[in-house]
Amino acid sequence: EERLKRLGAPSDMFLLYLAGSHQIGRLSYALQGKIAAKATGESLDTLLRTSSAGLFDYLIDKYALTSGISGIQPKALVPLLPQTHSSLPLETVIVKAEGADYLGIARNEYLCLSVAKEAGFNVPNFWLSEDGLLLVMSRFDRKADGTALGFEDMAVLTGRSTAQKYQGSYDMIAKAVSVFTAENSAIELQRLFERVALSCKLGDGDAHLKNFGLLYENPAEVRCLAPIYDVVCTNIYPQLDGQLALKLNKHKKFPTHQALIEYGLRLGLEREVAQNVLQRIDAAFEVVCQRLVEDIRYRDDDLMIRIKNAVHQLRT
């Protein structure tokens, strides 16, 4: 924001020009006849091992104005240097930094994503810097050969603007998934249940419309739910309201175990399948907490204790 102010009052078209091809999805923008300069890229090892304070300022100066991604955390799209000589496009990662308003948020998200991975859910590759202040995640909208996939978030698919991303319900998302995934909707609805249940179980009150989306290679062919991203236990932050981002069962209170089962049934899951998903999340949370309690990045404060208390409180 501060860097944009130096440019005066940029127009919408200028913001699109700045974003170029550096946004989620495959839309890109450029001046007619102009070819955007390719970034040199950064080493993943540098991102994870360098002191985050100076490093993130450097990344913001170099990449922030061309990163077309939003959210409450400071973040940038950063190309990675290839580990070997390759003619493929540089792999790009999303680098998120801890801000002053939400202390511990990088470690918080790393824990939540680790729970999703441990539970067997679809999650992009992700890493936590050695000082615990940066979360690095692979882009989920690129194939291994660099081909860009189409991406539409649920705000777009339900006809809402970014300002309306907290309006609607998880049942509304389910209807959109059912309509837009057609033949494979049963599989995608189970993945949606996994995503919603994960947020509900982990006290994530920021699972809004833009944190769900569909990926596709050809819009007329198979479309699938995007991998899990942006999951944080928001219930540990007292400045937030302690509610869900969207309605479930006509209100925004965190649901009981039975209410989640009923949501799964509405999505067409068998009761045993829904029950199994919830059990996997609970078990994965305990495994991850046990593993991370030995991690030096979680020893210097009470972040782990606060997350465990918030999650266990939702089970009562």
Protein backbone atom coordinates (compact mmCIF):
# COMPACT_ATOMS: atom_id res chain seq x y z
CA GLU A 1 0.00 0.00 0.00
CA GLU A 2 2.79 2.42 0.93
CA ARG A 3 4.61 1.61 -2.28
CA LEU A 4 1.47 2.24 -4.34
CA LYS A 5 1.04 5.67 -2.73
CA ARG A 6 4.34 6.72 -4.28
CA LEU A 7 2.71 6.22 -7.69
CA GLY A 8 -0.09 8.67 -6.94
CA ALA A 9 -3.62 7.38 -7.57
CA PRO A 10 -3.14 4.43 -9.94
CA SER A 11 -6.07 3.49 -12.18
CA ASP A 12 -7.57 0.01 -12.40
CA MET A 13 -5.87 -0.50 -15.77
CA PHE A 14 -2.50 0.47 -14.30
CA LEU A 15 -2.97 -2.02 -11.47
CA LEU A 16 -3.69 -4.74 -14.05
CA TYR A 17 -0.52 -3.73 -15.90
CA LEU A 18 1.48 -4.03 -12.67
CA ALA A 19 0.05 -7.47 -11.96
CA GLY A 20 0.93 -8.63 -15.48
CA SER A 21 0.96 -12.43 -15.38
CA HIS A 22 1.66 -12.56 -11.65
CA GLN A 23 -1.71 -13.56 -10.23
CA ILE A 24 -3.59 -16.75 -9.47
CA GLY A 25 -5.09 -18.22 -12.65
CA ARG A 26 -3.97 -17.80 -16.25
CA LEU A 27 -5.14 -14.31 -17.12
CA SER A 28 -2.27 -11.92 -17.82
CA TYR A 29 -2.00 -8.29 -18.86
CA ALA A 30 0.59 -6.38 -20.89
CA LEU A 31 0.93 -3.35 -23.11
CA GLN A 32 0.33 -4.18 -26.76
CA GLY A 33 3.55 -5.32 -28.40
CA LYS A 34 5.47 -5.37 -25.13
CA ILE A 35 7.01 -8.51 -23.64
CA ALA A 36 7.36 -8.44 -19.87
CA ALA A 37 10.89 -8.88 -18.55
CA LYS A 38 11.46 -12.21 -16.83
CA ALA A 39 12.35 -12.12 -13.14
CA THR A 40 15.67 -13.61 -12.14
CA GLY A 41 14.20 -15.65 -9.29
CA GLU A 42 15.26 -16.52 -5.76
CA SER A 43 16.64 -19.65 -4.14
CA LEU A 44 14.20 -21.61 -1.97
CA ASP A 45 17.06 -22.19 0.45
CA THR A 46 17.58 -18.41 0.70
CA LEU A 47 13.88 -17.85 1.41
CA LEU A 48 13.90 -20.39 4.22
CA ARG A 49 17.28 -19.70 5.83
CA THR A 50 17.80 -15.93 5.56
CA SER A 51 16.65 -13.69 8.43
CA SER A 52 13.10 -12.76 7.49
CA ALA A 53 13.18 -9.09 8.56
CA GLY A 54 15.46 -7.79 5.81
CA LEU A 55 14.56 -10.54 3.36
CA PHE A 56 10.86 -9.78 3.18
CA ASP A 57 11.49 -6.05 2.69
CA TYR A 58 13.71 -7.02 -0.24
CA LEU A 59 11.03 -9.33 -1.66
CA ILE A 60 8.34 -6.68 -1.26
CA ASP A 61 10.48 -4.06 -3.00
CA LYS A 62 11.24 -6.45 -5.85
CA TYR A 63 7.96 -8.35 -6.29
CA ALA A 64 5.03 -6.84 -4.35
CA LEU A 65 3.84 -4.35 -6.97
CA THR A 66 3.65 -7.16 -9.53
CA SER A 67 1.92 -9.66 -7.23
CA GLY A 68 -1.79 -9.79 -8.00
CA ILE A 69 -2.81 -11.60 -4.81
CA SER A 70 -4.71 -10.28 -1.82
CA GLY A 71 -5.33 -11.12 1.82
CA ILE A 72 -4.72 -9.91 5.37
CA GLN A 73 -1.10 -11.10 5.39
CA PRO A 74 1.69 -9.27 3.55
CA LYS A 75 2.59 -11.53 0.63
CA ALA A 76 4.35 -11.70 -2.70
CA LEU A 77 4.59 -14.06 -5.67
CA VAL A 78 8.25 -15.00 -5.98
CA PRO A 79 9.84 -17.04 -8.82
CA LEU A 80 12.28 -19.75 -7.72
CA LEU A 81 15.64 -20.39 -9.29
CA PRO A 82 15.67 -23.85 -10.89
CA GLN A 83 17.73 -26.46 -9.05
CA THR A 84 19.02 -27.73 -12.40
CA HIS A 85 19.27 -26.21 -15.87
CA SER A 86 15.81 -26.31 -17.40
CA SER A 87 13.95 -24.67 -20.26
CA LEU A 88 10.70 -24.79 -18.28
CA PRO A 89 9.25 -21.58 -16.80
CA LEU A 90 10.48 -20.75 -13.30
CA GLU A 91 8.36 -22.26 -10.55
CA THR A 92 6.64 -19.55 -8.52
CA VAL A 93 5.85 -19.63 -4.83
CA ILE A 94 3.67 -17.48 -2.59
CA VAL A 95 5.64 -15.97 0.29
CA LYS A 96 3.63 -14.74 3.28
CA ALA A 97 5.06 -12.76 6.17
CA GLU A 98 3.95 -12.31 9.73
CA GLY A 99 2.37 -8.92 10.36
CA ALA A 100 2.13 -6.95 13.60
CA ASP A 101 -1.65 -7.46 13.85
CA TYR A 102 -1.61 -11.27 13.90
CA LEU A 103 1.45 -12.51 15.74
CA GLY A 104 2.45 -16.08 14.98
CA ILE A 105 0.28 -16.28 11.87
CA ALA A 106 2.95 -17.91 9.67
CA ARG A 107 3.49 -20.69 12.22
CA ASN A 108 -0.27 -20.86 12.77
CA GLU A 109 -0.93 -21.45 9.07
CA TYR A 110 1.95 -23.92 8.83
CA LEU A 111 0.39 -25.95 11.64
CA CYS A 112 -3.06 -25.89 10.02
CA LEU A 113 -1.73 -26.88 6.60
CA SER A 114 0.27 -29.64 8.27
CA VAL A 115 -2.96 -30.97 9.78
CA ALA A 116 -4.58 -30.98 6.33
CA LYS A 117 -1.61 -32.85 4.87
CA GLU A 118 -1.50 -35.34 7.75
CA ALA A 119 -5.22 -36.00 7.26
CA GLY A 120 -4.57 -36.91 3.63
CA PHE A 121 -6.22 -33.85 2.07
CA ASN A 122 -5.07 -32.13 -1.12
CA VAL A 123 -2.56 -29.42 -0.15
CA PRO A 124 0.17 -27.68 -2.20
CA ASN A 125 3.78 -28.02 -1.06
CA PHE A 126 4.58 -25.59 1.74
CA TRP A 127 7.49 -24.64 3.99
CA LEU A 128 8.13 -22.53 7.10
CA SER A 129 11.27 -20.40 7.31
CA GLU A 130 13.86 -21.26 9.93
CA ASP A 131 12.89 -18.24 12.05
CA GLY A 132 9.17 -19.08 11.74
CA LEU A 133 8.23 -15.71 10.24
CA LEU A 134 7.69 -16.63 6.59
CA LEU A 135 5.35 -19.22 5.09
CA VAL A 136 6.23 -20.34 1.57
CA MET A 137 3.70 -22.22 -0.57
CA SER A 138 3.85 -23.59 -4.10
CA ARG A 139 1.32 -22.20 -6.55
CA PHE A 140 -1.53 -24.61 -7.15
CA ASP A 141 -2.56 -23.10 -10.50
CA ARG A 142 0.45 -24.33 -12.48
CA LYS A 143 1.17 -27.79 -13.90
CA ALA A 144 4.61 -29.38 -13.59
CA ASP A 145 5.54 -28.13 -17.07
CA GLY A 146 4.57 -24.56 -16.17
CA THR A 147 1.23 -24.59 -17.99
CA ALA A 148 -1.17 -22.14 -16.36
CA LEU A 149 -4.52 -23.49 -15.18
CA GLY A 150 -7.69 -21.48 -15.13
CA PHE A 151 -8.93 -20.52 -11.66
CA GLU A 152 -12.24 -19.05 -10.55
CA ASP A 153 -12.96 -18.39 -6.89
CA MET A 154 -16.36 -18.83 -5.31
CA ALA A 155 -17.02 -15.11 -5.13
CA VAL A 156 -16.88 -14.99 -8.93
CA LEU A 157 -18.82 -18.23 -9.38
CA THR A 158 -21.65 -17.08 -7.10
CA GLY A 159 -21.86 -13.60 -8.60
CA ARG A 160 -20.37 -11.69 -5.69
CA SER A 161 -17.68 -9.04 -5.49
CA THR A 162 -14.56 -9.15 -3.33
CA ALA A 163 -16.33 -6.83 -0.87
CA GLN A 164 -19.09 -9.45 -0.54
CA LYS A 165 -16.77 -12.41 0.17
CA TYR A 166 -18.26 -12.87 3.66
CA GLN A 167 -21.82 -13.11 2.31
CA GLY A 168 -23.41 -16.47 1.64
CA SER A 169 -23.12 -19.95 3.07
CA TYR A 170 -21.16 -23.17 2.74
CA ASP A 171 -24.31 -24.78 1.32
CA MET A 172 -24.27 -22.14 -1.41
CA ILE A 173 -20.68 -23.11 -2.23
CA ALA A 174 -21.78 -26.75 -2.39
CA LYS A 175 -24.45 -25.87 -4.95
CA ALA A 176 -21.87 -24.05 -7.07
CA VAL A 177 -19.46 -26.99 -6.84
CA SER A 178 -22.23 -29.39 -7.84
CA VAL A 179 -23.20 -27.28 -10.86
CA PHE A 180 -19.71 -26.51 -12.14
CA THR A 181 -18.05 -29.91 -11.58
CA ALA A 182 -20.90 -31.94 -13.13
CA GLU A 183 -19.83 -35.58 -13.67
CA ASN A 184 -17.21 -35.59 -10.91
CA SER A 185 -19.31 -33.60 -8.43
CA ALA A 186 -19.47 -36.44 -5.87
CA ILE A 187 -15.68 -36.45 -5.52
CA GLU A 188 -15.44 -32.66 -5.42
CA LEU A 189 -18.24 -32.35 -2.85
CA GLN A 190 -16.35 -34.71 -0.55
CA ARG A 191 -13.26 -32.53 -0.99
CA LEU A 192 -15.40 -29.48 -0.18
CA PHE A 193 -16.60 -31.19 2.99
CA GLU A 194 -12.98 -31.90 3.95
CA ARG A 195 -12.11 -28.22 3.45
CA VAL A 196 -15.09 -26.83 5.37
CA ALA A 197 -14.74 -29.40 8.17
CA LEU A 198 -11.03 -28.57 8.49
CA SER A 199 -11.77 -24.87 9.01
CA CYS A 200 -14.58 -25.61 11.45
CA LYS A 201 -12.46 -28.05 13.46
CA LEU A 202 -9.43 -25.74 13.58
CA GLY A 203 -11.27 -22.56 14.53
CA ASP A 204 -10.67 -20.91 11.17
CA GLY A 205 -13.14 -18.06 10.88
CA ASP A 206 -11.72 -16.69 7.63
CA ALA A 207 -12.81 -19.41 5.18
CA HIS A 208 -14.64 -16.91 2.96
CA LEU A 209 -15.71 -17.20 -0.68
CA LYS A 210 -12.31 -16.30 -2.12
CA ASN A 211 -10.64 -19.11 -0.18
CA PHE A 212 -12.49 -21.69 -2.28
CA GLY A 213 -12.17 -22.04 -6.03
CA LEU A 214 -12.20 -24.30 -9.06
CA LEU A 215 -9.28 -25.17 -11.35
CA TYR A 216 -9.58 -26.21 -14.98
CA GLU A 217 -7.41 -26.71 -18.04
CA ASN A 218 -10.27 -26.32 -20.50
CA PRO A 219 -13.45 -24.59 -19.24
CA ALA A 220 -15.57 -27.05 -21.24
CA GLU A 221 -13.92 -30.09 -19.67
CA VAL A 222 -13.20 -31.37 -16.14
CA ARG A 223 -13.20 -28.78 -13.37
CA CYS A 224 -12.04 -29.59 -9.85
CA LEU A 225 -11.82 -27.94 -6.46
CA ALA A 226 -8.53 -26.13 -5.83
CA PRO A 227 -6.22 -27.56 -3.15
CA ILE A 228 -6.55 -26.31 0.41
CA TYR A 229 -4.96 -22.91 1.07
CA ASP A 230 -5.27 -20.01 3.54
CA VAL A 231 -6.23 -21.95 6.68
CA VAL A 232 -5.51 -20.31 10.05
CA CYS A 233 -6.84 -20.78 13.58
CA THR A 234 -8.35 -17.29 13.84
CA ASN A 235 -9.99 -18.06 17.19
CA ILE A 236 -6.73 -17.31 19.01
CA TYR A 237 -6.89 -13.65 17.96
CA PRO A 238 -9.16 -11.72 20.37
CA GLN A 239 -9.63 -8.81 17.95
CA LEU A 240 -11.66 -11.09 15.66
CA ASP A 241 -15.30 -12.03 16.25
CA GLY A 242 -14.86 -15.78 16.81
CA GLN A 243 -17.41 -16.70 14.15
CA LEU A 244 -17.39 -18.49 10.81
CA ALA A 245 -16.75 -16.46 7.68
CA LEU A 246 -19.92 -17.81 6.04
CA LYS A 247 -23.17 -19.30 7.30
CA LEU A 248 -23.56 -22.97 8.10
CA ASN A 249 -27.02 -24.11 9.20
CA LYS A 250 -28.27 -20.52 8.76
CA HIS A 251 -25.84 -18.91 11.23
CA LYS A 252 -22.14 -18.23 11.69
CA LYS A 253 -21.56 -20.06 14.96
CA PHE A 254 -18.92 -22.77 14.82
CA PRO A 255 -20.83 -26.04 14.32
CA THR A 256 -21.07 -29.04 16.61
CA HIS A 257 -19.83 -32.44 15.50
CA GLN A 258 -23.39 -33.46 14.64
CA ALA A 259 -24.00 -30.28 12.63
CA LEU A 260 -20.93 -31.05 10.52
CA ILE A 261 -22.18 -34.59 9.93
CA GLU A 262 -25.51 -33.16 8.77
CA TYR A 263 -23.68 -30.81 6.40
CA GLY A 264 -21.85 -33.81 4.96
CA LEU A 265 -25.15 -35.63 4.47
CA ARG A 266 -26.55 -32.63 2.59
CA LEU A 267 -23.52 -32.83 0.30
CA GLY A 268 -24.36 -36.45 -0.47
CA LEU A 269 -21.73 -38.15 1.71
CA GLU A 270 -22.50 -41.35 3.55
CA ARG A 271 -22.60 -40.85 7.33
CA GLU A 272 -19.60 -43.15 7.78
CA VAL A 273 -17.57 -41.16 5.24
CA ALA A 274 -18.35 -37.84 6.93
CA GLN A 275 -17.55 -39.34 10.33
CA ASN A 276 -14.24 -40.66 9.01
CA VAL A 277 -13.25 -37.23 7.69
CA LEU A 278 -13.86 -35.63 11.09
CA GLN A 279 -11.93 -38.37 12.88
CA ARG A 280 -9.00 -37.95 10.50
CA ILE A 281 -8.87 -34.21 11.22
CA ASP A 282 -8.94 -34.75 14.99
CA ALA A 283 -6.25 -37.43 14.82
CA ALA A 284 -4.09 -35.39 12.45
CA PHE A 285 -4.26 -32.37 14.76
CA GLU A 286 -2.94 -34.37 17.70
CA VAL A 287 -0.15 -35.91 15.60
CA VAL A 288 0.95 -32.54 14.23
CA CYS A 289 0.88 -30.86 17.64
CA GLN A 290 2.96 -33.67 19.11
CA ARG A 291 5.47 -33.28 16.28
CA LEU A 292 5.69 -29.50 16.40
CA VAL A 293 6.03 -29.28 20.18
CA GLU A 294 9.57 -30.56 19.54
CA ASP A 295 10.16 -27.87 16.89
CA ILE A 296 12.32 -25.00 18.18
CA ARG A 297 10.20 -22.50 16.22
CA TYR A 298 7.26 -23.22 18.53
CA ARG A 299 9.09 -23.14 21.87
CA ASP A 300 9.54 -19.43 22.57
CA ASP A 301 5.90 -18.47 23.18
CA ASP A 302 2.47 -19.91 23.96
CA LEU A 303 1.19 -20.06 20.35
CA MET A 304 0.87 -23.85 20.40
CA ILE A 305 -0.97 -23.81 23.73
CA ARG A 306 -3.42 -21.17 22.51
CA ILE A 307 -4.16 -23.07 19.30
CA LYS A 308 -4.65 -26.36 21.17
CA ASN A 309 -6.99 -24.68 23.67
CA ALA A 310 -9.01 -23.05 20.89
CA VAL A 311 -9.36 -26.31 18.95
CA HIS A 312 -10.18 -28.46 21.97
CA GLN A 313 -12.79 -25.92 23.08
CA LEU A 314 -14.64 -26.46 19.79
CA ARG A 315 -14.91 -30.18 20.55
CA THR A 316 -16.84 -29.67 23.80
